[in-house]
């Protein structure tokens, strides 16, 4: 299968085989796996435990992804989050065109962070 740009794309079985190979190689078992719609232009996301930057770094190294980094801004837990309290920020490693899949691959953990200064000042 190819995309309109003739980049190779992976089937769902190939994507799961990639994850299984990582686990067999000793990578931490992801808490969740998300394969985006339209596999030819989709996104594979591996979610590891919260507050586990080491797991992100291990997967990033094994997958040969760029170095992980904190992305986006701090977010407050609540109705749209799996966390019940506190602030968090995604720590993520991502490649836009991963060679083995032809689409985005990301490994992510949600890291507990302090409330932004403006939020602390608003409460005071």
N, C-alpha and C. Protein backbone atom coordinates (compact mmCIF):
# COMPACT_ATOMS: atom_id res chain seq x y z
N UNK A 1 0.86 -1.17 0.00
CA UNK A 1 0.00 0.00 0.00
C UNK A 1 0.90 1.23 0.00
N UNK A 2 0.52 2.26 -0.75
CA UNK A 2 1.28 3.50 -0.76
C UNK A 2 0.33 4.67 -0.64
N UNK A 3 0.87 5.78 -0.18
CA UNK A 3 0.08 7.00 -0.12
C UNK A 3 0.20 7.72 -1.45
N UNK A 4 -0.46 8.85 -1.53
CA UNK A 4 -0.37 9.63 -2.76
C UNK A 4 1.03 10.19 -2.99
N UNK A 5 1.86 10.18 -1.94
CA UNK A 5 3.23 10.66 -2.09
C UNK A 5 4.20 9.50 -2.26
N UNK A 6 3.68 8.29 -2.50
CA UNK A 6 4.47 7.08 -2.69
C UNK A 6 5.34 6.73 -1.50
N UNK A 7 4.97 7.17 -0.31
CA UNK A 7 5.66 6.76 0.90
C UNK A 7 5.04 5.45 1.38
N UNK A 8 5.85 4.49 1.84
CA UNK A 8 5.26 3.24 2.32
C UNK A 8 4.41 3.48 3.56
N UNK A 9 3.35 2.73 3.69
CA UNK A 9 2.52 2.82 4.88
C UNK A 9 2.33 1.42 5.44
N UNK A 10 2.09 1.34 6.70
CA UNK A 10 1.97 0.06 7.37
C UNK A 10 0.51 -0.30 7.57
N UNK A 11 0.26 -1.59 7.59
CA UNK A 11 -1.07 -2.07 7.96
C UNK A 11 -1.15 -2.07 9.48
N UNK A 12 -2.34 -2.23 10.01
CA UNK A 12 -2.50 -2.30 11.46
C UNK A 12 -1.71 -3.47 12.03
N UNK A 13 -1.69 -4.60 11.34
CA UNK A 13 -0.92 -5.75 11.81
C UNK A 13 0.57 -5.41 11.91
N UNK A 14 1.09 -4.68 10.94
CA UNK A 14 2.50 -4.30 10.97
C UNK A 14 2.79 -3.34 12.12
N UNK A 15 1.85 -2.43 12.38
CA UNK A 15 2.03 -1.48 13.48
C UNK A 15 2.04 -2.23 14.81
N UNK A 16 1.09 -3.15 15.00
CA UNK A 16 1.07 -3.92 16.24
C UNK A 16 2.30 -4.82 16.35
N UNK A 17 2.79 -5.34 15.22
CA UNK A 17 4.02 -6.15 15.24
C UNK A 17 5.21 -5.30 15.68
N UNK A 18 5.25 -4.04 15.27
CA UNK A 18 6.32 -3.14 15.69
C UNK A 18 6.29 -2.95 17.21
N UNK A 19 5.10 -2.73 17.76
CA UNK A 19 4.95 -2.56 19.21
C UNK A 19 5.33 -3.86 19.92
N UNK A 20 4.87 -5.00 19.41
CA UNK A 20 5.18 -6.29 20.02
C UNK A 20 6.68 -6.55 20.01
N UNK A 21 7.35 -6.17 18.94
CA UNK A 21 8.80 -6.35 18.86
C UNK A 21 9.51 -5.51 19.92
N UNK A 22 9.01 -4.30 20.14
CA UNK A 22 9.58 -3.44 21.19
C UNK A 22 9.41 -4.06 22.57
N UNK A 23 8.23 -4.58 22.84
CA UNK A 23 7.97 -5.22 24.13
C UNK A 23 8.87 -6.44 24.29
N UNK A 24 8.99 -7.24 23.22
CA UNK A 24 9.86 -8.43 23.26
C UNK A 24 11.32 -8.04 23.49
N UNK A 25 11.70 -6.85 23.04
CA UNK A 25 13.08 -6.36 23.22
C UNK A 25 13.30 -5.75 24.60
N UNK A 26 12.25 -5.73 25.43
CA UNK A 26 12.39 -5.24 26.80
C UNK A 26 11.83 -3.86 27.05
N UNK A 27 11.17 -3.28 26.06
CA UNK A 27 10.57 -1.96 26.27
C UNK A 27 9.38 -2.09 27.23
N UNK A 28 9.10 -1.02 28.01
CA UNK A 28 7.94 -1.07 28.90
C UNK A 28 6.65 -1.25 28.10
N UNK A 29 5.74 -2.04 28.63
CA UNK A 29 4.46 -2.27 27.96
C UNK A 29 3.65 -0.98 28.02
N UNK A 30 3.18 -0.48 26.87
CA UNK A 30 2.38 0.75 26.88
C UNK A 30 1.06 0.55 27.62
N UNK A 31 0.59 1.61 28.25
CA UNK A 31 -0.72 1.59 28.90
C UNK A 31 -1.83 1.70 27.86
N UNK A 32 -1.51 2.29 26.72
CA UNK A 32 -2.49 2.45 25.66
C UNK A 32 -1.80 2.60 24.32
N UNK A 33 -2.50 2.18 23.28
CA UNK A 33 -2.01 2.31 21.92
C UNK A 33 -3.14 2.93 21.11
N UNK A 34 -2.82 3.98 20.37
CA UNK A 34 -3.82 4.63 19.53
C UNK A 34 -3.31 4.62 18.10
N UNK A 35 -4.09 4.02 17.21
CA UNK A 35 -3.76 4.07 15.79
C UNK A 35 -4.80 4.97 15.16
N UNK A 36 -4.34 6.10 14.62
CA UNK A 36 -5.25 7.09 14.07
C UNK A 36 -5.99 6.60 12.84
N UNK A 37 -7.08 7.27 12.52
CA UNK A 37 -7.87 6.95 11.33
C UNK A 37 -7.05 7.12 10.08
N UNK A 38 -7.42 6.37 9.06
CA UNK A 38 -6.75 6.49 7.78
C UNK A 38 -5.29 6.13 7.90
N UNK A 39 -5.00 4.85 8.01
CA UNK A 39 -3.65 4.41 8.30
C UNK A 39 -2.62 5.01 7.34
N UNK A 40 -3.02 5.36 6.12
CA UNK A 40 -2.06 5.93 5.18
C UNK A 40 -1.62 7.33 5.58
N UNK A 41 -2.40 7.99 6.42
CA UNK A 41 -2.00 9.31 6.91
C UNK A 41 -2.28 9.41 8.40
N UNK A 42 -2.26 8.27 9.06
CA UNK A 42 -2.62 8.22 10.47
C UNK A 42 -1.46 8.48 11.40
N UNK A 43 -1.66 8.08 12.63
CA UNK A 43 -0.69 8.35 13.68
C UNK A 43 -0.73 7.19 14.67
N UNK A 44 0.42 6.67 15.00
CA UNK A 44 0.56 5.67 16.04
C UNK A 44 1.04 6.37 17.29
N UNK A 45 0.29 6.25 18.38
CA UNK A 45 0.70 6.82 19.65
C UNK A 45 0.78 5.71 20.69
N UNK A 46 1.89 5.66 21.39
CA UNK A 46 2.06 4.76 22.51
C UNK A 46 2.00 5.60 23.77
N UNK A 47 1.09 5.27 24.66
CA UNK A 47 0.97 5.99 25.92
C UNK A 47 1.54 5.12 27.03
N UNK A 48 2.59 5.60 27.69
CA UNK A 48 3.17 4.88 28.81
C UNK A 48 2.61 5.47 30.10
N UNK A 49 2.98 4.89 31.22
CA UNK A 49 2.44 5.37 32.51
C UNK A 49 2.66 6.86 32.70
N UNK A 50 1.79 7.48 33.46
CA UNK A 50 1.98 8.87 33.86
C UNK A 50 3.28 8.99 34.65
N UNK A 51 3.92 10.13 34.51
CA UNK A 51 5.14 10.45 35.26
C UNK A 51 6.25 9.43 35.03
N UNK A 52 6.37 8.95 33.80
CA UNK A 52 7.40 7.97 33.47
C UNK A 52 8.22 8.43 32.26
N UNK A 53 9.04 9.49 32.44
CA UNK A 53 9.84 9.96 31.32
C UNK A 53 10.86 8.92 30.84
N UNK A 54 11.30 8.05 31.75
CA UNK A 54 12.28 7.02 31.36
C UNK A 54 11.69 6.09 30.32
N UNK A 55 10.42 5.71 30.46
CA UNK A 55 9.78 4.83 29.48
C UNK A 55 9.72 5.51 28.11
N UNK A 56 9.42 6.80 28.09
CA UNK A 56 9.40 7.54 26.83
C UNK A 56 10.79 7.53 26.20
N UNK A 57 11.79 7.78 27.01
CA UNK A 57 13.17 7.81 26.50
C UNK A 57 13.62 6.45 25.99
N UNK A 58 13.25 5.36 26.69
CA UNK A 58 13.60 4.01 26.22
C UNK A 58 12.96 3.71 24.87
N UNK A 59 11.65 3.97 24.76
CA UNK A 59 10.95 3.73 23.48
C UNK A 59 11.53 4.62 22.38
N UNK A 60 11.78 5.89 22.70
CA UNK A 60 12.31 6.82 21.69
C UNK A 60 13.65 6.31 21.15
N UNK A 61 14.49 5.82 22.04
CA UNK A 61 15.78 5.28 21.61
C UNK A 61 15.59 4.03 20.77
N UNK A 62 14.74 3.12 21.23
CA UNK A 62 14.52 1.87 20.51
C UNK A 62 13.92 2.13 19.12
N UNK A 63 13.01 3.09 19.04
CA UNK A 63 12.37 3.43 17.75
C UNK A 63 13.20 4.40 16.91
N UNK A 64 14.31 4.87 17.49
CA UNK A 64 15.16 5.86 16.81
C UNK A 64 14.39 7.15 16.50
N UNK A 65 13.63 7.60 17.48
CA UNK A 65 12.88 8.85 17.36
C UNK A 65 13.76 10.00 17.86
N UNK A 66 13.41 11.24 17.50
CA UNK A 66 14.12 12.39 18.07
C UNK A 66 13.99 12.40 19.60
N UNK A 67 14.86 13.13 20.26
CA UNK A 67 14.84 13.21 21.72
C UNK A 67 13.48 13.70 22.21
N UNK A 68 12.97 13.10 23.27
CA UNK A 68 11.68 13.55 23.82
C UNK A 68 11.77 14.95 24.42
N UNK A 69 10.64 15.60 24.50
CA UNK A 69 10.58 16.94 25.08
C UNK A 69 9.19 17.18 25.66
N UNK A 70 9.11 18.13 26.58
CA UNK A 70 7.80 18.58 27.07
C UNK A 70 7.16 19.36 25.93
N UNK A 71 5.91 19.07 25.65
CA UNK A 71 5.20 19.74 24.56
C UNK A 71 3.93 20.39 25.10
N UNK A 72 3.43 21.31 24.33
CA UNK A 72 2.23 22.07 24.71
C UNK A 72 2.49 22.83 26.00
N UNK A 73 1.45 23.35 26.58
CA UNK A 73 1.59 24.09 27.83
C UNK A 73 1.00 23.24 28.95
N UNK A 74 1.30 23.57 30.22
CA UNK A 74 0.69 22.81 31.31
C UNK A 74 -0.83 22.85 31.22
N UNK A 75 -1.45 21.72 31.55
CA UNK A 75 -2.91 21.60 31.50
C UNK A 75 -3.43 21.16 32.86
N UNK A 76 -4.59 21.67 33.21
CA UNK A 76 -5.19 21.31 34.48
C UNK A 76 -6.05 20.06 34.30
N UNK A 77 -5.95 19.15 35.25
CA UNK A 77 -6.78 17.94 35.21
C UNK A 77 -8.24 18.33 35.35
N UNK A 78 -9.10 17.50 34.86
CA UNK A 78 -10.52 17.79 34.97
C UNK A 78 -11.34 16.89 34.08
N UNK A 79 -12.46 17.40 33.63
CA UNK A 79 -13.43 16.60 32.88
C UNK A 79 -12.86 16.02 31.59
N UNK A 80 -11.92 16.70 30.97
CA UNK A 80 -11.37 16.24 29.69
C UNK A 80 -10.03 15.54 29.87
N UNK A 81 -9.79 15.01 31.04
CA UNK A 81 -8.51 14.38 31.34
C UNK A 81 -8.74 13.10 32.12
N UNK A 82 -7.81 12.16 31.96
CA UNK A 82 -7.88 10.92 32.73
C UNK A 82 -7.40 11.13 34.17
N UNK A 83 -6.81 12.28 34.45
CA UNK A 83 -6.33 12.59 35.80
C UNK A 83 -7.43 13.30 36.57
N UNK A 84 -7.47 13.05 37.87
CA UNK A 84 -8.53 13.67 38.66
C UNK A 84 -8.14 15.02 39.25
N UNK A 85 -6.86 15.22 39.54
CA UNK A 85 -6.44 16.49 40.13
C UNK A 85 -5.05 16.87 39.63
N UNK A 86 -4.71 18.14 39.80
CA UNK A 86 -3.37 18.61 39.51
C UNK A 86 -3.15 19.08 38.09
N UNK A 87 -1.92 19.43 37.82
CA UNK A 87 -1.50 19.93 36.52
C UNK A 87 -0.57 18.91 35.88
N UNK A 88 -0.59 18.83 34.56
CA UNK A 88 0.28 17.91 33.85
C UNK A 88 0.67 18.49 32.50
N UNK A 89 1.69 17.88 31.90
CA UNK A 89 2.16 18.31 30.59
C UNK A 89 2.66 17.08 29.85
N UNK A 90 2.33 16.94 28.56
CA UNK A 90 2.82 15.79 27.81
C UNK A 90 4.34 15.84 27.60
N UNK A 91 4.97 14.71 27.80
CA UNK A 91 6.39 14.51 27.49
C UNK A 91 6.39 13.52 26.34
N UNK A 92 6.92 13.93 25.19
CA UNK A 92 6.69 13.17 23.97
C UNK A 92 7.92 13.12 23.07
N UNK A 93 8.07 11.99 22.41
CA UNK A 93 9.03 11.84 21.30
C UNK A 93 8.19 11.51 20.07
N UNK A 94 8.49 12.15 18.93
CA UNK A 94 7.65 11.95 17.76
C UNK A 94 8.45 12.07 16.48
N UNK A 95 8.09 11.25 15.51
CA UNK A 95 8.61 11.36 14.15
C UNK A 95 7.42 11.53 13.21
N UNK A 96 7.51 12.47 12.29
CA UNK A 96 6.39 12.72 11.38
C UNK A 96 6.27 11.66 10.30
N UNK A 97 7.36 11.15 9.80
CA UNK A 97 7.35 10.11 8.76
C UNK A 97 8.25 8.97 9.22
N UNK A 98 7.74 8.14 10.10
CA UNK A 98 8.54 7.04 10.64
C UNK A 98 8.81 6.03 9.51
N UNK A 99 10.07 5.62 9.32
CA UNK A 99 10.42 4.78 8.17
C UNK A 99 9.66 3.46 8.07
N UNK A 100 9.41 2.79 9.20
CA UNK A 100 8.76 1.49 9.14
C UNK A 100 7.25 1.56 8.94
N UNK A 101 6.66 2.70 9.18
CA UNK A 101 5.20 2.80 9.06
C UNK A 101 4.74 3.80 8.01
N UNK A 102 5.56 4.78 7.67
CA UNK A 102 5.17 5.78 6.70
C UNK A 102 4.25 6.85 7.26
N UNK A 103 4.03 6.85 8.55
CA UNK A 103 3.19 7.89 9.15
C UNK A 103 3.74 8.28 10.51
N UNK A 104 3.04 9.13 11.23
CA UNK A 104 3.54 9.65 12.50
C UNK A 104 3.61 8.54 13.55
N UNK A 105 4.67 8.58 14.35
CA UNK A 105 4.81 7.68 15.49
C UNK A 105 5.19 8.56 16.68
N UNK A 106 4.48 8.38 17.78
CA UNK A 106 4.76 9.16 18.99
C UNK A 106 4.70 8.27 20.21
N UNK A 107 5.54 8.57 21.19
CA UNK A 107 5.52 7.93 22.50
C UNK A 107 5.31 9.05 23.51
N UNK A 108 4.37 8.83 24.46
CA UNK A 108 3.97 9.94 25.33
C UNK A 108 3.72 9.48 26.76
N UNK A 109 4.10 10.34 27.72
CA UNK A 109 3.74 10.19 29.12
C UNK A 109 3.25 11.55 29.59
N UNK A 110 2.28 11.54 30.50
CA UNK A 110 1.80 12.80 31.07
C UNK A 110 2.52 13.02 32.40
N UNK A 111 3.27 14.12 32.47
CA UNK A 111 4.14 14.40 33.61
C UNK A 111 3.47 15.43 34.52
N UNK A 112 3.47 15.17 35.81
CA UNK A 112 2.94 16.12 36.79
C UNK A 112 3.85 17.34 36.84
N UNK A 113 3.25 18.52 36.74
CA UNK A 113 4.00 19.77 36.78
C UNK A 113 3.31 20.72 37.76
N UNK A 114 4.04 21.73 38.25
CA UNK A 114 3.39 22.72 39.11
C UNK A 114 2.41 23.58 38.31
N UNK A 115 1.47 24.15 39.01
CA UNK A 115 0.54 25.07 38.36
C UNK A 115 1.31 26.26 37.82
N UNK A 116 0.93 26.77 36.66
CA UNK A 116 1.60 27.96 36.12
C UNK A 116 1.47 29.13 37.11
N UNK A 117 2.47 30.01 37.10
CA UNK A 117 2.51 31.13 38.04
C UNK A 117 1.23 31.96 38.01
N UNK A 118 0.68 32.20 36.81
CA UNK A 118 -0.53 33.03 36.74
C UNK A 118 -1.71 32.36 37.41
N UNK A 119 -1.74 31.05 37.46
CA UNK A 119 -2.82 30.32 38.15
C UNK A 119 -2.64 30.40 39.66
N UNK A 120 -1.40 30.31 40.11
CA UNK A 120 -1.11 30.41 41.53
C UNK A 120 -1.44 31.80 42.03
N UNK A 121 -1.07 32.84 41.24
CA UNK A 121 -1.35 34.23 41.62
C UNK A 121 -2.85 34.50 41.64
N UNK A 122 -3.62 33.89 40.74
CA UNK A 122 -5.07 34.10 40.69
C UNK A 122 -5.75 33.55 41.92
N UNK A 123 -5.22 32.49 42.48
CA UNK A 123 -5.80 31.88 43.68
C UNK A 123 -5.44 32.67 44.92
N UNK A 124 -4.25 33.26 44.91
CA UNK A 124 -3.76 33.98 46.12
C UNK A 124 -4.53 35.24 46.39
